[in-house]
Amino acid sequence: MSTTWTDIPAQPAKTASVPLPKPQPFGVPVLIGDCASPLAGETVLSLLMKRSTGA
């Protein structure tokens, strides 16, 4: 038997959320670099920031 696209659920099953530890501030400055090559008009850092904020 082969699997067709209609056999696959439209959305994955939701997993239970995992409690995260309390954020700890850094004791020293943290430098964050970004890639110079854009991806579809975006940089890697901007895409990660959008993903983390849900924008």
Protein backbone atom coordinates (compact mmCIF):
# COMPACT_ATOMS: atom_id res chain seq x y z
CA MET A 1 0.00 0.00 0.00
CA SER A 2 1.37 3.42 -0.88
CA THR A 3 0.86 6.65 1.03
CA THR A 4 -0.91 9.49 -0.74
CA TRP A 5 -0.98 13.17 0.18
CA THR A 6 -4.53 12.79 1.45
CA ASP A 7 -3.34 10.25 4.06
CA ILE A 8 -1.05 12.81 5.71
CA PRO A 9 -2.72 15.12 8.30
CA ALA A 10 -2.96 18.80 7.31
CA GLN A 11 -1.37 19.96 10.58
CA PRO A 12 1.05 18.08 12.81
CA ALA A 13 -0.19 16.94 16.20
CA LYS A 14 0.48 19.48 18.95
CA THR A 15 3.07 18.54 21.52
CA ALA A 16 2.92 19.45 25.18
CA SER A 17 4.81 22.61 26.08
CA VAL A 18 7.97 22.25 28.13
CA PRO A 19 8.64 24.73 30.95
CA LEU A 20 11.79 26.74 30.25
CA PRO A 21 14.27 27.87 32.89
CA LYS A 22 14.26 31.52 33.98
CA PRO A 23 16.45 33.64 31.65
CA GLN A 24 19.81 34.57 33.14
CA PRO A 25 21.45 37.88 32.13
CA PHE A 26 24.97 37.73 30.74
CA GLY A 27 27.74 39.16 32.91
CA VAL A 28 29.67 40.45 29.90
CA PRO A 29 28.61 42.11 26.62
CA VAL A 30 27.43 39.69 23.94
CA LEU A 31 28.14 40.48 20.31
CA ILE A 32 25.78 39.06 17.69
CA GLY A 33 26.94 38.97 14.08
CA ASP A 34 24.85 38.63 10.97
CA CYS A 35 25.56 37.00 7.63
CA ALA A 36 26.35 39.39 4.79
CA SER A 37 24.48 37.36 2.16
CA PRO A 38 20.74 38.13 2.05
CA LEU A 39 18.17 35.36 1.68
CA ALA A 40 15.15 36.54 -0.31
CA GLY A 41 15.81 40.11 0.81
CA GLU A 42 16.38 39.05 4.43
CA THR A 43 19.47 38.16 6.41
CA VAL A 44 19.81 35.04 8.53
CA LEU A 45 19.60 37.04 11.76
CA SER A 46 16.44 38.91 10.68
CA LEU A 47 14.77 35.62 9.72
CA LEU A 48 15.66 34.11 13.10
CA MET A 49 14.35 37.19 14.91
CA LYS A 50 11.07 37.02 12.98
CA ARG A 51 10.74 33.34 13.79
CA SER A 52 11.37 33.86 17.51
CA THR A 53 8.90 36.76 17.77
CA GLY A 54 6.28 35.13 15.57
CA ALA A 55 6.10 38.15 13.22
